[in-house]
């Protein structure tokens, strides 16, 4: 499965939700056209996740490696010690 993590994009749903895209800092908003182009290229390249606004792709790779390293530890019948009730 492939996914797109677009960040802020400029479709009409912002206005529908009551927050016009114009109220956001323009430096964080990607055009729909640029997002689609980047996502299609990412899919073409076989990327599992397209992060069109993340310039440092190696940060995503590090995040994904850390997530994978935790995968077998995310379910247990014992609550993590850091959540144990203080007595």
N, C-alpha and C. Protein backbone atom coordinates (compact mmCIF):
# COMPACT_ATOMS: atom_id res chain seq x y z
N UNK A 1 0.84 -1.17 0.00
CA UNK A 1 0.00 0.00 0.00
C UNK A 1 0.90 1.24 0.00
N UNK A 2 0.48 2.24 -0.72
CA UNK A 2 1.21 3.51 -0.75
C UNK A 2 0.34 4.60 -0.14
N UNK A 3 0.98 5.57 0.49
CA UNK A 3 0.26 6.64 1.16
C UNK A 3 0.89 7.99 0.83
N UNK A 4 0.08 9.03 0.99
CA UNK A 4 0.54 10.40 0.78
C UNK A 4 0.35 11.15 2.10
N UNK A 5 1.42 11.78 2.58
CA UNK A 5 1.36 12.65 3.76
C UNK A 5 1.65 14.06 3.27
N UNK A 6 0.61 14.81 2.93
CA UNK A 6 0.81 16.04 2.19
C UNK A 6 1.16 17.29 2.97
N UNK A 7 0.96 17.34 4.26
CA UNK A 7 1.09 18.63 4.93
C UNK A 7 -0.08 19.51 4.51
N UNK A 8 0.02 20.79 4.74
CA UNK A 8 -1.07 21.71 4.37
C UNK A 8 -1.12 21.86 2.86
N UNK A 9 -2.31 21.67 2.31
CA UNK A 9 -2.53 21.78 0.88
C UNK A 9 -3.68 22.76 0.67
N UNK A 10 -3.83 23.26 -0.55
CA UNK A 10 -4.79 24.34 -0.78
C UNK A 10 -6.10 23.95 -1.48
N UNK A 11 -6.75 22.84 -1.12
CA UNK A 11 -8.05 22.57 -1.73
C UNK A 11 -9.17 23.33 -1.01
N UNK A 12 -10.38 23.18 -1.50
CA UNK A 12 -11.53 23.92 -0.96
C UNK A 12 -11.96 23.50 0.44
N UNK A 13 -11.51 22.32 0.91
CA UNK A 13 -12.04 21.87 2.20
C UNK A 13 -11.66 22.76 3.35
N UNK A 14 -10.63 23.56 3.25
CA UNK A 14 -10.30 24.50 4.32
C UNK A 14 -11.45 25.48 4.53
N UNK A 15 -11.94 26.06 3.46
CA UNK A 15 -13.05 27.02 3.57
C UNK A 15 -14.31 26.33 4.06
N UNK A 16 -14.56 25.11 3.58
CA UNK A 16 -15.73 24.36 4.02
C UNK A 16 -15.66 24.10 5.52
N UNK A 17 -14.46 23.86 6.02
CA UNK A 17 -14.26 23.62 7.45
C UNK A 17 -14.26 24.90 8.29
N UNK A 18 -14.37 26.06 7.63
CA UNK A 18 -14.44 27.32 8.36
C UNK A 18 -13.11 28.04 8.53
N UNK A 19 -12.03 27.52 7.92
CA UNK A 19 -10.73 28.16 8.02
C UNK A 19 -10.19 28.34 6.60
N UNK A 20 -10.42 29.49 6.00
CA UNK A 20 -9.92 29.69 4.63
C UNK A 20 -8.41 29.49 4.56
N UNK A 21 -7.95 28.84 3.51
CA UNK A 21 -6.53 28.55 3.35
C UNK A 21 -5.70 29.83 3.37
N UNK A 22 -6.29 30.94 3.00
CA UNK A 22 -5.60 32.23 3.01
C UNK A 22 -5.22 32.66 4.42
N UNK A 23 -5.85 32.06 5.44
CA UNK A 23 -5.52 32.42 6.82
C UNK A 23 -4.28 31.67 7.32
N UNK A 24 -3.80 30.72 6.54
CA UNK A 24 -2.59 29.99 6.90
C UNK A 24 -1.36 30.72 6.38
N UNK A 25 -0.23 30.49 7.00
CA UNK A 25 1.04 31.03 6.53
C UNK A 25 1.31 30.44 5.15
N UNK A 26 1.44 31.26 4.14
CA UNK A 26 1.62 30.79 2.76
C UNK A 26 2.86 29.91 2.61
N UNK A 27 3.83 30.05 3.50
CA UNK A 27 5.05 29.25 3.37
C UNK A 27 4.86 27.79 3.74
N UNK A 28 3.69 27.42 4.30
CA UNK A 28 3.45 26.02 4.66
C UNK A 28 2.41 25.36 3.76
N UNK A 29 1.88 26.08 2.79
CA UNK A 29 0.78 25.57 1.96
C UNK A 29 1.30 25.17 0.57
N UNK A 30 1.05 23.91 0.21
CA UNK A 30 1.43 23.40 -1.11
C UNK A 30 0.22 23.46 -2.03
N UNK A 31 0.45 23.78 -3.28
CA UNK A 31 -0.66 23.76 -4.23
C UNK A 31 -1.08 22.32 -4.49
N UNK A 32 -2.34 22.13 -4.82
CA UNK A 32 -2.85 20.80 -5.12
C UNK A 32 -2.08 20.20 -6.30
N UNK A 33 -1.81 21.01 -7.29
CA UNK A 33 -1.09 20.53 -8.48
C UNK A 33 0.30 20.00 -8.11
N UNK A 34 1.04 20.76 -7.29
CA UNK A 34 2.38 20.32 -6.88
C UNK A 34 2.31 19.05 -6.04
N UNK A 35 1.31 18.97 -5.16
CA UNK A 35 1.14 17.78 -4.34
C UNK A 35 0.89 16.55 -5.21
N UNK A 36 -0.03 16.68 -6.16
CA UNK A 36 -0.36 15.55 -7.03
C UNK A 36 0.85 15.13 -7.85
N UNK A 37 1.55 16.10 -8.42
CA UNK A 37 2.76 15.77 -9.21
C UNK A 37 3.78 15.02 -8.36
N UNK A 38 4.02 15.50 -7.15
CA UNK A 38 5.00 14.87 -6.27
C UNK A 38 4.54 13.47 -5.86
N UNK A 39 3.26 13.33 -5.53
CA UNK A 39 2.73 12.03 -5.12
C UNK A 39 2.82 11.02 -6.25
N UNK A 40 2.48 11.42 -7.45
CA UNK A 40 2.57 10.51 -8.59
C UNK A 40 4.01 10.08 -8.86
N UNK A 41 4.94 11.01 -8.73
CA UNK A 41 6.35 10.68 -8.92
C UNK A 41 6.82 9.72 -7.82
N UNK A 42 6.39 9.97 -6.59
CA UNK A 42 6.73 9.08 -5.49
C UNK A 42 6.20 7.67 -5.72
N UNK A 43 4.96 7.57 -6.18
CA UNK A 43 4.39 6.26 -6.49
C UNK A 43 5.15 5.58 -7.61
N UNK A 44 5.49 6.36 -8.63
CA UNK A 44 6.26 5.84 -9.76
C UNK A 44 7.61 5.28 -9.29
N UNK A 45 8.21 5.93 -8.31
CA UNK A 45 9.51 5.50 -7.77
C UNK A 45 9.37 4.36 -6.76
N UNK A 46 8.14 3.99 -6.45
CA UNK A 46 7.92 2.89 -5.51
C UNK A 46 7.98 3.29 -4.05
N UNK A 47 7.91 4.59 -3.75
CA UNK A 47 7.92 5.03 -2.36
C UNK A 47 6.65 4.53 -1.67
N UNK A 48 6.80 3.96 -0.48
CA UNK A 48 5.63 3.53 0.27
C UNK A 48 4.86 4.73 0.80
N UNK A 49 5.59 5.78 1.16
CA UNK A 49 4.98 7.00 1.69
C UNK A 49 5.58 8.19 0.96
N UNK A 50 4.70 9.01 0.41
CA UNK A 50 5.12 10.23 -0.28
C UNK A 50 4.95 11.39 0.69
N UNK A 51 6.03 12.08 0.99
CA UNK A 51 6.02 13.22 1.91
C UNK A 51 6.51 14.45 1.13
N UNK A 52 5.64 14.97 0.30
CA UNK A 52 6.03 15.99 -0.67
C UNK A 52 6.61 17.27 -0.07
N UNK A 53 6.28 17.58 1.15
CA UNK A 53 6.78 18.82 1.75
C UNK A 53 8.02 18.63 2.60
N UNK A 54 8.39 17.38 2.85
CA UNK A 54 9.57 17.10 3.68
C UNK A 54 10.81 17.10 2.80
N UNK A 55 11.61 18.14 2.92
CA UNK A 55 12.80 18.29 2.08
C UNK A 55 13.91 17.31 2.49
N UNK A 56 14.02 17.01 3.76
CA UNK A 56 15.07 16.11 4.25
C UNK A 56 14.52 14.68 4.29
N UNK A 57 14.52 14.02 3.15
CA UNK A 57 13.97 12.67 3.05
C UNK A 57 14.61 11.68 4.01
N UNK A 58 15.85 11.92 4.36
CA UNK A 58 16.52 11.02 5.30
C UNK A 58 15.87 11.06 6.68
N UNK A 59 15.20 12.14 7.01
CA UNK A 59 14.49 12.20 8.30
C UNK A 59 13.31 11.24 8.30
N UNK A 60 12.62 11.13 7.16
CA UNK A 60 11.52 10.15 7.06
C UNK A 60 12.09 8.75 7.17
N UNK A 61 13.21 8.50 6.51
CA UNK A 61 13.83 7.17 6.57
C UNK A 61 14.19 6.81 8.00
N UNK A 62 14.73 7.76 8.77
CA UNK A 62 15.08 7.51 10.16
C UNK A 62 13.84 7.26 11.01
N UNK A 63 12.79 8.04 10.76
CA UNK A 63 11.51 7.84 11.47
C UNK A 63 10.97 6.45 11.20
N UNK A 64 10.97 6.06 9.93
CA UNK A 64 10.42 4.76 9.54
C UNK A 64 11.25 3.63 10.15
N UNK A 65 12.57 3.76 10.17
CA UNK A 65 13.43 2.74 10.78
C UNK A 65 13.12 2.61 12.27
N UNK A 66 12.94 3.73 12.96
CA UNK A 66 12.62 3.70 14.39
C UNK A 66 11.25 3.06 14.62
N UNK A 67 10.30 3.38 13.77
CA UNK A 67 8.95 2.81 13.88
C UNK A 67 9.01 1.29 13.69
N UNK A 68 9.75 0.85 12.69
CA UNK A 68 9.88 -0.58 12.43
C UNK A 68 10.56 -1.29 13.61
N UNK A 69 11.55 -0.64 14.21
CA UNK A 69 12.26 -1.23 15.34
C UNK A 69 11.34 -1.44 16.54
N UNK A 70 10.32 -0.61 16.67
CA UNK A 70 9.37 -0.73 17.78
C UNK A 70 8.23 -1.70 17.50
N UNK A 71 8.04 -2.10 16.26
CA UNK A 71 6.85 -2.84 15.83
C UNK A 71 6.53 -4.03 16.73
N UNK A 72 7.50 -4.82 17.10
CA UNK A 72 7.25 -6.00 17.92
C UNK A 72 7.06 -5.70 19.39
N UNK A 73 7.18 -4.45 19.78
CA UNK A 73 7.11 -4.08 21.19
C UNK A 73 5.88 -3.22 21.51
N UNK A 74 4.99 -3.05 20.57
CA UNK A 74 3.87 -2.13 20.77
C UNK A 74 2.63 -2.77 21.38
N UNK A 75 2.68 -4.05 21.65
CA UNK A 75 1.54 -4.73 22.25
C UNK A 75 2.04 -5.67 23.34
N UNK A 76 1.50 -5.54 24.53
CA UNK A 76 1.92 -6.37 25.66
C UNK A 76 0.80 -6.41 26.68
N UNK A 77 0.76 -7.51 27.44
CA UNK A 77 -0.24 -7.59 28.51
C UNK A 77 0.23 -6.90 29.79
N UNK A 78 1.43 -6.32 29.72
CA UNK A 78 1.98 -5.59 30.87
C UNK A 78 2.17 -4.13 30.47
N UNK A 79 1.63 -3.23 31.26
CA UNK A 79 1.77 -1.80 30.99
C UNK A 79 3.22 -1.37 31.19
N UNK A 80 3.69 -0.50 30.32
CA UNK A 80 5.06 0.00 30.41
C UNK A 80 5.30 0.63 31.79
N UNK A 81 6.50 0.39 32.31
CA UNK A 81 6.85 0.86 33.65
C UNK A 81 6.61 2.35 33.83
N UNK A 82 6.86 3.15 32.79
CA UNK A 82 6.70 4.59 32.93
C UNK A 82 5.25 5.00 33.20
N UNK A 83 4.29 4.08 32.98
CA UNK A 83 2.88 4.37 33.24
C UNK A 83 2.38 3.70 34.53
N UNK A 84 3.25 3.02 35.24
CA UNK A 84 2.84 2.37 36.48
C UNK A 84 2.41 3.43 37.49
N UNK A 85 1.39 3.14 38.20
CA UNK A 85 0.88 4.08 39.20
C UNK A 85 1.91 4.30 40.30
N UNK A 86 2.11 5.54 40.67
CA UNK A 86 3.04 5.86 41.75
C UNK A 86 2.39 5.52 43.07
N UNK A 87 3.17 4.90 43.94
CA UNK A 87 2.63 4.53 45.26
C UNK A 87 3.32 5.29 46.35
